[in-house]
Amino acid sequence: MKSTITRMEPQFIRLVNSTIKVVKEIAVIVRAAANTEIGAYNPPSSTAIKDQVEVRLNSVLEQCSNIITALKKEGQPADWTEPFV
């Protein structure tokens, strides 16, 4: 299992960095909405067009899923049988 974890380290680092970036973007949007910071956020006018924050959040979710799937293939500790919330 150690080799899988070692191979996944860059993936995990990308996950952490992506998460930090999207959280910062959301924080800017929230501050702008609360009028504590000057900024503009223009969500897409159509639901068919994905917002860039949504795209980044989906990417973070996909990275998490890939990491969990790879770890589960290597072996499943007893506490992994519970669904992730």
PDB file of N, CA and C in Angstrom:
ATOM      1  N   MET A   1       0.829  -1.200   0.000  1.00  0.00           N
ATOM      2  CA  MET A   1       0.000   0.000   0.000  1.00  0.00           C
ATOM      3  C   MET A   1       0.864   1.251   0.000  1.00  0.00           C
ATOM      4  N   LYS A   2       2.058   1.159   0.576  1.00  0.00           N
ATOM      5  CA  LYS A   2       2.910   2.332   0.647  1.00  0.00           C
ATOM      6  C   LYS A   2       3.235   2.864  -0.741  1.00  0.00           C
ATOM      7  N   SER A   3       3.444   1.980  -1.718  1.00  0.00           N
ATOM      8  CA  SER A   3       3.763   2.459  -3.061  1.00  0.00           C
ATOM      9  C   SER A   3       2.602   3.239  -3.670  1.00  0.00           C
ATOM     10  N   THR A   4       1.370   2.796  -3.413  1.00  0.00           N
ATOM     11  CA  THR A   4       0.208   3.521  -3.920  1.00  0.00           C
ATOM     12  C   THR A   4       0.122   4.893  -3.274  1.00  0.00           C
ATOM     13  N   ILE A   5       0.318   4.948  -1.975  1.00  0.00           N
ATOM     14  CA  ILE A   5       0.261   6.232  -1.269  1.00  0.00           C
ATOM     15  C   ILE A   5       1.368   7.149  -1.763  1.00  0.00           C
ATOM     16  N   THR A   6       2.549   6.617  -1.975  1.00  0.00           N
ATOM     17  CA  THR A   6       3.663   7.418  -2.484  1.00  0.00           C
ATOM     18  C   THR A   6       3.341   7.962  -3.871  1.00  0.00           C
ATOM     19  N   ARG A   7       2.755   7.120  -4.727  1.00  0.00           N
ATOM     20  CA  ARG A   7       2.394   7.572  -6.080  1.00  0.00           C
ATOM     21  C   ARG A   7       1.289   8.621  -6.031  1.00  0.00           C
ATOM     22  N   MET A   8       0.438   8.549  -5.018  1.00  0.00           N
ATOM     23  CA  MET A   8      -0.694   9.465  -4.922  1.00  0.00           C
ATOM     24  C   MET A   8      -0.341  10.788  -4.257  1.00  0.00           C
ATOM     25  N   GLU A   9       0.844  10.907  -3.717  1.00  0.00           N
ATOM     26  CA  GLU A   9       1.211  12.139  -3.014  1.00  0.00           C
ATOM     27  C   GLU A   9       1.045  13.381  -3.883  1.00  0.00           C
ATOM     28  N   PRO A  10       1.503  13.394  -5.143  1.00  0.00           N
ATOM     29  CA  PRO A  10       1.278  14.596  -5.969  1.00  0.00           C
ATOM     30  C   PRO A  10      -0.198  14.895  -6.175  1.00  0.00           C
ATOM     31  N   GLN A  11      -1.014  13.837  -6.300  1.00  0.00           N
ATOM     32  CA  GLN A  11      -2.453  14.017  -6.438  1.00  0.00           C
ATOM     33  C   GLN A  11      -3.035  14.672  -5.191  1.00  0.00           C
ATOM     34  N   PHE A  12      -2.584  14.234  -4.041  1.00  0.00           N
ATOM     35  CA  PHE A  12      -3.066  14.794  -2.778  1.00  0.00           C
ATOM     36  C   PHE A  12      -2.649  16.258  -2.647  1.00  0.00           C
ATOM     37  N   ILE A  13      -1.432  16.568  -3.040  1.00  0.00           N
ATOM     38  CA  ILE A  13      -0.955  17.957  -2.985  1.00  0.00           C
ATOM     39  C   ILE A  13      -1.799  18.832  -3.903  1.00  0.00           C
ATOM     40  N   ARG A  14      -2.113  18.337  -5.110  1.00  0.00           N
ATOM     41  CA  ARG A  14      -2.980  19.097  -6.017  1.00  0.00           C
ATOM     42  C   ARG A  14      -4.362  19.297  -5.404  1.00  0.00           C
ATOM     43  N   LEU A  15      -4.870  18.269  -4.735  1.00  0.00           N
ATOM     44  CA  LEU A  15      -6.169  18.365  -4.077  1.00  0.00           C
ATOM     45  C   LEU A  15      -6.167  19.472  -3.030  1.00  0.00           C
ATOM     46  N   VAL A  16      -5.158  19.481  -2.189  1.00  0.00           N
ATOM     47  CA  VAL A  16      -5.065  20.492  -1.133  1.00  0.00           C
ATOM     48  C   VAL A  16      -4.946  21.885  -1.750  1.00  0.00           C
ATOM     49  N   ASN A  17      -4.069  22.038  -2.733  1.00  0.00           N
ATOM     50  CA  ASN A  17      -3.891  23.349  -3.365  1.00  0.00           C
ATOM     51  C   ASN A  17      -5.162  23.817  -4.068  1.00  0.00           C
ATOM     52  N   SER A  18      -5.832  22.909  -4.763  1.00  0.00           N
ATOM     53  CA  SER A  18      -7.083  23.265  -5.440  1.00  0.00           C
ATOM     54  C   SER A  18      -8.151  23.684  -4.441  1.00  0.00           C
ATOM     55  N   THR A  19      -8.218  22.970  -3.335  1.00  0.00           N
ATOM     56  CA  THR A  19      -9.209  23.283  -2.304  1.00  0.00           C
ATOM     57  C   THR A  19      -8.952  24.661  -1.715  1.00  0.00           C
ATOM     58  N   ILE A  20      -7.701  24.962  -1.434  1.00  0.00           N
ATOM     59  CA  ILE A  20      -7.345  26.274  -0.886  1.00  0.00           C
ATOM     60  C   ILE A  20      -7.732  27.377  -1.860  1.00  0.00           C
ATOM     61  N   LYS A  21      -7.442  27.187  -3.145  1.00  0.00           N
ATOM     62  CA  LYS A  21      -7.759  28.214  -4.141  1.00  0.00           C
ATOM     63  C   LYS A  21      -9.259  28.465  -4.238  1.00  0.00           C
ATOM     64  N   VAL A  22     -10.044  27.392  -4.289  1.00  0.00           N
ATOM     65  CA  VAL A  22     -11.489  27.583  -4.439  1.00  0.00           C
ATOM     66  C   VAL A  22     -12.097  28.174  -3.173  1.00  0.00           C
ATOM     67  N   VAL A  23     -11.593  27.820  -2.010  1.00  0.00           N
ATOM     68  CA  VAL A  23     -12.093  28.410  -0.763  1.00  0.00           C
ATOM     69  C   VAL A  23     -11.790  29.916  -0.745  1.00  0.00           C
ATOM     70  N   LYS A  24     -10.610  30.299  -1.206  1.00  0.00           N
ATOM     71  CA  LYS A  24     -10.273  31.729  -1.278  1.00  0.00           C
ATOM     72  C   LYS A  24     -11.205  32.460  -2.241  1.00  0.00           C
ATOM     73  N   GLU A  25     -11.509  31.834  -3.381  1.00  0.00           N
ATOM     74  CA  GLU A  25     -12.426  32.456  -4.338  1.00  0.00           C
ATOM     75  C   GLU A  25     -13.812  32.637  -3.726  1.00  0.00           C
ATOM     76  N   ILE A  26     -14.288  31.618  -3.045  1.00  0.00           N
ATOM     77  CA  ILE A  26     -15.604  31.706  -2.417  1.00  0.00           C
ATOM     78  C   ILE A  26     -15.606  32.767  -1.327  1.00  0.00           C
ATOM     79  N   ALA A  27     -14.517  32.880  -0.577  1.00  0.00           N
ATOM     80  CA  ALA A  27     -14.427  33.898   0.474  1.00  0.00           C
ATOM     81  C   ALA A  27     -14.510  35.302  -0.121  1.00  0.00           C
ATOM     82  N   VAL A  28     -13.880  35.514  -1.259  1.00  0.00           N
ATOM     83  CA  VAL A  28     -13.951  36.823  -1.924  1.00  0.00           C
ATOM     84  C   VAL A  28     -15.389  37.119  -2.346  1.00  0.00           C
ATOM     85  N   ILE A  29     -16.058  36.118  -2.889  1.00  0.00           N
ATOM     86  CA  ILE A  29     -17.450  36.301  -3.324  1.00  0.00           C
ATOM     87  C   ILE A  29     -18.346  36.620  -2.128  1.00  0.00           C
ATOM     88  N   VAL A  30     -18.156  35.907  -1.039  1.00  0.00           N
ATOM     89  CA  VAL A  30     -18.973  36.129   0.160  1.00  0.00           C
ATOM     90  C   VAL A  30     -18.718  37.523   0.730  1.00  0.00           C
ATOM     91  N   ARG A  31     -17.448  37.938   0.791  1.00  0.00           N
ATOM     92  CA  ARG A  31     -17.135  39.292   1.303  1.00  0.00           C
ATOM     93  C   ARG A  31     -17.733  40.359   0.400  1.00  0.00           C
ATOM     94  N   ALA A  32     -17.669  40.132  -0.914  1.00  0.00           N
ATOM     95  CA  ALA A  32     -18.257  41.111  -1.838  1.00  0.00           C
ATOM     96  C   ALA A  32     -19.762  41.181  -1.655  1.00  0.00           C
ATOM     97  N   ALA A  33     -20.380  40.023  -1.460  1.00  0.00           N
ATOM     98  CA  ALA A  33     -21.837  40.002  -1.249  1.00  0.00           C
ATOM     99  C   ALA A  33     -22.222  40.681   0.056  1.00  0.00           C
ATOM    100  N   ALA A  34     -21.341  40.617   1.036  1.00  0.00           N
ATOM    101  CA  ALA A  34     -21.614  41.258   2.321  1.00  0.00           C
ATOM    102  C   ALA A  34     -21.165  42.721   2.322  1.00  0.00           C
ATOM    103  N   ASN A  35     -20.701  43.196   1.180  1.00  0.00           N
ATOM    104  CA  ASN A  35     -20.240  44.578   1.009  1.00  0.00           C
ATOM    105  C   ASN A  35     -19.058  44.932   1.898  1.00  0.00           C
ATOM    106  N   THR A  36     -18.287  43.946   2.298  1.00  0.00           N
ATOM    107  CA  THR A  36     -17.100  44.250   3.098  1.00  0.00           C
ATOM    108  C   THR A  36     -15.872  44.377   2.218  1.00  0.00           C
ATOM    109  N   GLU A  37     -16.035  44.057   0.967  1.00  0.00           N
ATOM    110  CA  GLU A  37     -14.919  44.149   0.034  1.00  0.00           C
ATOM    111  C   GLU A  37     -15.476  44.503  -1.335  1.00  0.00           C
ATOM    112  N   ILE A  38     -14.787  45.393  -2.014  1.00  0.00           N
ATOM    113  CA  ILE A  38     -15.235  45.764  -3.347  1.00  0.00           C
ATOM    114  C   ILE A  38     -14.880  44.618  -4.294  1.00  0.00           C
ATOM    115  N   GLY A  39     -15.842  44.219  -5.057  1.00  0.00           N
ATOM    116  CA  GLY A  39     -15.622  43.137  -6.010  1.00  0.00           C
ATOM    117  C   GLY A  39     -16.890  42.874  -6.765  1.00  0.00           C
ATOM    118  N   ALA A  40     -16.740  42.213  -7.863  1.00  0.00           N
ATOM    119  CA  ALA A  40     -17.916  41.891  -8.660  1.00  0.00           C
ATOM    120  C   ALA A  40     -17.925  40.406  -8.943  1.00  0.00           C
ATOM    121  N   TYR A  41     -19.072  39.819  -8.800  1.00  0.00           N
ATOM    122  CA  TYR A  41     -19.256  38.408  -9.113  1.00  0.00           C
ATOM    123  C   TYR A  41     -20.487  38.300  -9.983  1.00  0.00           C
ATOM    124  N   ASN A  42     -20.294  37.842 -11.174  1.00  0.00           N
ATOM    125  CA  ASN A  42     -21.400  37.707 -12.102  1.00  0.00           C
ATOM    126  C   ASN A  42     -21.625  36.229 -12.423  1.00  0.00           C
ATOM    127  N   PRO A  43     -22.573  35.620 -11.722  1.00  0.00           N
ATOM    128  CA  PRO A  43     -22.846  34.209 -12.023  1.00  0.00           C
ATOM    129  C   PRO A  43     -23.402  34.073 -13.435  1.00  0.00           C
ATOM    130  N   PRO A  44     -23.243  32.912 -14.037  1.00  0.00           N
ATOM    131  CA  PRO A  44     -23.754  32.725 -15.400  1.00  0.00           C
ATOM    132  C   PRO A  44     -25.264  32.966 -15.455  1.00  0.00           C
ATOM    133  N   SER A  45     -25.717  33.512 -16.559  1.00  0.00           N
ATOM    134  CA  SER A  45     -27.135  33.819 -16.699  1.00  0.00           C
ATOM    135  C   SER A  45     -27.955  32.575 -17.022  1.00  0.00           C
ATOM    136  N   SER A  46     -27.304  31.525 -17.481  1.00  0.00           N
ATOM    137  CA  SER A  46     -28.006  30.297 -17.838  1.00  0.00           C
ATOM    138  C   SER A  46     -27.526  29.157 -16.954  1.00  0.00           C
ATOM    139  N   THR A  47     -28.439  28.262 -16.585  1.00  0.00           N
ATOM    140  CA  THR A  47     -28.035  27.123 -15.760  1.00  0.00           C
ATOM    141  C   THR A  47     -27.230  26.112 -16.567  1.00  0.00           C
ATOM    142  N   ALA A  48     -27.272  26.222 -17.896  1.00  0.00           N
ATOM    143  CA  ALA A  48     -26.506  25.311 -18.748  1.00  0.00           C
ATOM    144  C   ALA A  48     -25.013  25.671 -18.734  1.00  0.00           C
ATOM    145  N   ILE A  49     -24.700  26.898 -18.364  1.00  0.00           N
ATOM    146  CA  ILE A  49     -23.310  27.356 -18.318  1.00  0.00           C
ATOM    147  C   ILE A  49     -22.807  27.189 -16.892  1.00  0.00           C
ATOM    148  N   LYS A  50     -21.690  26.475 -16.763  1.00  0.00           N
ATOM    149  CA  LYS A  50     -21.146  26.257 -15.421  1.00  0.00           C
ATOM    150  C   LYS A  50     -20.316  27.447 -14.978  1.00  0.00           C
ATOM    151  N   ASP A  51     -20.524  27.819 -13.738  1.00  0.00           N
ATOM    152  CA  ASP A  51     -19.752  28.866 -13.091  1.00  0.00           C
ATOM    153  C   ASP A  51     -18.336  28.334 -12.836  1.00  0.00           C
ATOM    154  N   GLN A  52     -17.321  29.191 -12.894  1.00  0.00           N
ATOM    155  CA  GLN A  52     -15.941  28.748 -12.679  1.00  0.00           C
ATOM    156  C   GLN A  52     -15.716  28.203 -11.272  1.00  0.00           C
ATOM    157  N   VAL A  53     -16.405  28.751 -10.282  1.00  0.00           N
ATOM    158  CA  VAL A  53     -16.290  28.228  -8.916  1.00  0.00           C
ATOM    159  C   VAL A  53     -16.872  26.815  -8.875  1.00  0.00           C
ATOM    160  N   GLU A  54     -17.989  26.617  -9.535  1.00  0.00           N
ATOM    161  CA  GLU A  54     -18.603  25.292  -9.593  1.00  0.00           C
ATOM    162  C   GLU A  54     -17.675  24.294 -10.285  1.00  0.00           C
ATOM    163  N   VAL A  55     -17.045  24.725 -11.360  1.00  0.00           N
ATOM    164  CA  VAL A  55     -16.111  23.857 -12.083  1.00  0.00           C
ATOM    165  C   VAL A  55     -14.964  23.449 -11.167  1.00  0.00           C
ATOM    166  N   ARG A  56     -14.431  24.402 -10.422  1.00  0.00           N
ATOM    167  CA  ARG A  56     -13.317  24.095  -9.512  1.00  0.00           C
ATOM    168  C   ARG A  56     -13.752  23.181  -8.369  1.00  0.00           C
ATOM    169  N   LEU A  57     -14.941  23.426  -7.831  1.00  0.00           N
ATOM    170  CA  LEU A  57     -15.456  22.553  -6.768  1.00  0.00           C
ATOM    171  C   LEU A  57     -15.666  21.130  -7.282  1.00  0.00           C
ATOM    172  N   ASN A  58     -16.181  21.009  -8.497  1.00  0.00           N
ATOM    173  CA  ASN A  58     -16.351  19.681  -9.091  1.00  0.00           C
ATOM    174  C   ASN A  58     -14.999  18.994  -9.291  1.00  0.00           C
ATOM    175  N   SER A  59     -13.990  19.751  -9.642  1.00  0.00           N
ATOM    176  CA  SER A  59     -12.646  19.198  -9.809  1.00  0.00           C
ATOM    177  C   SER A  59     -12.102  18.685  -8.476  1.00  0.00           C
ATOM    178  N   VAL A  60     -12.309  19.446  -7.412  1.00  0.00           N
ATOM    179  CA  VAL A  60     -11.879  19.023  -6.076  1.00  0.00           C
ATOM    180  C   VAL A  60     -12.610  17.736  -5.690  1.00  0.00           C
ATOM    181  N   LEU A  61     -13.901  17.680  -5.945  1.00  0.00           N
ATOM    182  CA  LEU A  61     -14.693  16.486  -5.635  1.00  0.00           C
ATOM    183  C   LEU A  61     -14.178  15.277  -6.418  1.00  0.00           C
ATOM    184  N   GLU A  62     -13.872  15.471  -7.677  1.00  0.00           N
ATOM    185  CA  GLU A  62     -13.360  14.377  -8.508  1.00  0.00           C
ATOM    186  C   GLU A  62     -12.001  13.892  -7.998  1.00  0.00           C
ATOM    187  N   GLN A  63     -11.145  14.824  -7.605  1.00  0.00           N
ATOM    188  CA  GLN A  63      -9.840  14.447  -7.059  1.00  0.00           C
ATOM    189  C   GLN A  63     -10.010  13.628  -5.779  1.00  0.00           C
ATOM    190  N   CYS A  64     -10.920  14.056  -4.907  1.00  0.00           N
ATOM    191  CA  CYS A  64     -11.193  13.310  -3.669  1.00  0.00           C
ATOM    192  C   CYS A  64     -11.657  11.900  -3.993  1.00  0.00           C
ATOM    193  N   SER A  65     -12.576  11.796  -4.911  1.00  0.00           N
ATOM    194  CA  SER A  65     -13.122  10.502  -5.293  1.00  0.00           C
ATOM    195  C   SER A  65     -12.033   9.587  -5.853  1.00  0.00           C
ATOM    196  N   ASN A  66     -11.160  10.124  -6.692  1.00  0.00           N
ATOM    197  CA  ASN A  66     -10.071   9.326  -7.262  1.00  0.00           C
ATOM    198  C   ASN A  66      -9.125   8.815  -6.178  1.00  0.00           C
ATOM    199  N   ILE A  67      -8.818   9.660  -5.223  1.00  0.00           N
ATOM    200  CA  ILE A  67      -7.918   9.266  -4.132  1.00  0.00           C
ATOM    201  C   ILE A  67      -8.568   8.178  -3.281  1.00  0.00           C
ATOM    202  N   ILE A  68      -9.823   8.363  -2.912  1.00  0.00           N
ATOM    203  CA  ILE A  68     -10.523   7.383  -2.082  1.00  0.00           C
ATOM    204  C   ILE A  68     -10.647   6.051  -2.823  1.00  0.00           C
ATOM    205  N   THR A  69     -10.979   6.094  -4.099  1.00  0.00           N
ATOM    206  CA  THR A  69     -11.105   4.870  -4.893  1.00  0.00           C
ATOM    207  C   THR A  69      -9.776   4.125  -4.948  1.00  0.00           C
ATOM    208  N   ALA A  70      -8.688   4.846  -5.187  1.00  0.00           N
ATOM    209  CA  ALA A  70      -7.373   4.206  -5.252  1.00  0.00           C
ATOM    210  C   ALA A  70      -6.995   3.590  -3.911  1.00  0.00           C
ATOM    211  N   LEU A  71      -7.282   4.276  -2.828  1.00  0.00           N
ATOM    212  CA  LEU A  71      -6.967   3.740  -1.508  1.00  0.00           C
ATOM    213  C   LEU A  71      -7.814   2.507  -1.199  1.00  0.00           C
ATOM    214  N   LYS A  72      -9.077   2.530  -1.584  1.00  0.00           N
ATOM    215  CA  LYS A  72      -9.949   1.386  -1.331  1.00  0.00           C
ATOM    216  C   LYS A  72      -9.485   0.153  -2.100  1.00  0.00           C
ATOM    217  N   LYS A  73      -8.919   0.345  -3.292  1.00  0.00           N
ATOM    218  CA  LYS A  73      -8.437  -0.782  -4.082  1.00  0.00           C
ATOM    219  C   LYS A  73      -7.260  -1.475  -3.409  1.00  0.00           C
ATOM    220  N   GLU A  74      -6.506  -0.733  -2.609  1.00  0.00           N
ATOM    221  CA  GLU A  74      -5.325  -1.270  -1.954  1.00  0.00           C
ATOM    222  C   GLU A  74      -5.638  -2.041  -0.684  1.00  0.00           C
ATOM    223  N   GLY A  75      -6.752  -1.798  -0.110  1.00  0.00           N
ATOM    224  CA  GLY A  75      -7.103  -2.436   1.154  1.00  0.00           C
ATOM    225  C   GLY A  75      -8.071  -1.547   1.884  1.00  0.00           C
ATOM    226  N   GLN A  76      -8.926  -2.151   2.636  1.00  0.00           N
ATOM    227  CA  GLN A  76      -9.986  -1.379   3.252  1.00  0.00           C
ATOM    228  C   GLN A  76      -9.970  -1.559   4.763  1.00  0.00           C
ATOM    229  N   PRO A  77      -9.439  -0.582   5.483  1.00  0.00           N
ATOM    230  CA  PRO A  77      -9.520  -0.645   6.942  1.00  0.00           C
ATOM    231  C   PRO A  77     -10.983  -0.716   7.383  1.00  0.00           C
ATOM    232  N   ALA A  78     -11.214  -1.279   8.528  1.00  0.00           N
ATOM    233  CA  ALA A  78     -12.575  -1.495   9.025  1.00  0.00           C
ATOM    234  C   ALA A  78     -13.398  -0.210   9.067  1.00  0.00           C
ATOM    235  N   ASP A  79     -12.788   0.908   9.426  1.00  0.00           N
ATOM    236  CA  ASP A  79     -13.553   2.152   9.555  1.00  0.00           C
ATOM    237  C   ASP A  79     -13.890   2.788   8.209  1.00  0.00           C
ATOM    238  N   TRP A  80     -13.391   2.238   7.093  1.00  0.00           N
ATOM    239  CA  TRP A  80     -13.717   2.780   5.771  1.00  0.00           C
ATOM    240  C   TRP A  80     -15.045   2.262   5.256  1.00  0.00           C
ATOM    241  N   THR A  81     -15.662   1.346   5.982  1.00  0.00           N
ATOM    242  CA  THR A  81     -16.925   0.797   5.510  1.00  0.00           C
ATOM    243  C   THR A  81     -18.070   1.796   5.700  1.00  0.00           C
ATOM    244  N   GLU A  82     -17.882   2.778   6.560  1.00  0.00           N
ATOM    245  CA  GLU A  82     -18.893   3.808   6.773  1.00  0.00           C
ATOM    246  C   GLU A  82     -18.858   4.766   5.582  1.00  0.00           C
ATOM    247  N   PRO A  83     -20.020   5.233   5.116  1.00  0.00           N
ATOM    248  CA  PRO A  83     -20.032   6.183   4.002  1.00  0.00           C
ATOM    249  C   PRO A  83     -19.415   7.511   4.423  1.00  0.00           C
ATOM    250  N   PHE A  84     -18.741   8.145   3.482  1.00  0.00           N
ATOM    251  CA  PHE A  84     -18.154   9.461   3.739  1.00  0.00           C
ATOM    252  C   PHE A  84     -19.255  10.497   3.669  1.00  0.00           C
ATOM    253  N   VAL A  85     -19.239  11.441   4.578  1.00  0.00           N
ATOM    254  CA  VAL A  85     -20.269  12.473   4.613  1.00  0.00           C
ATOM    255  C   VAL A  85     -19.642  13.811   4.319  1.00  0.00           C
TER     256      VAL A  85
END
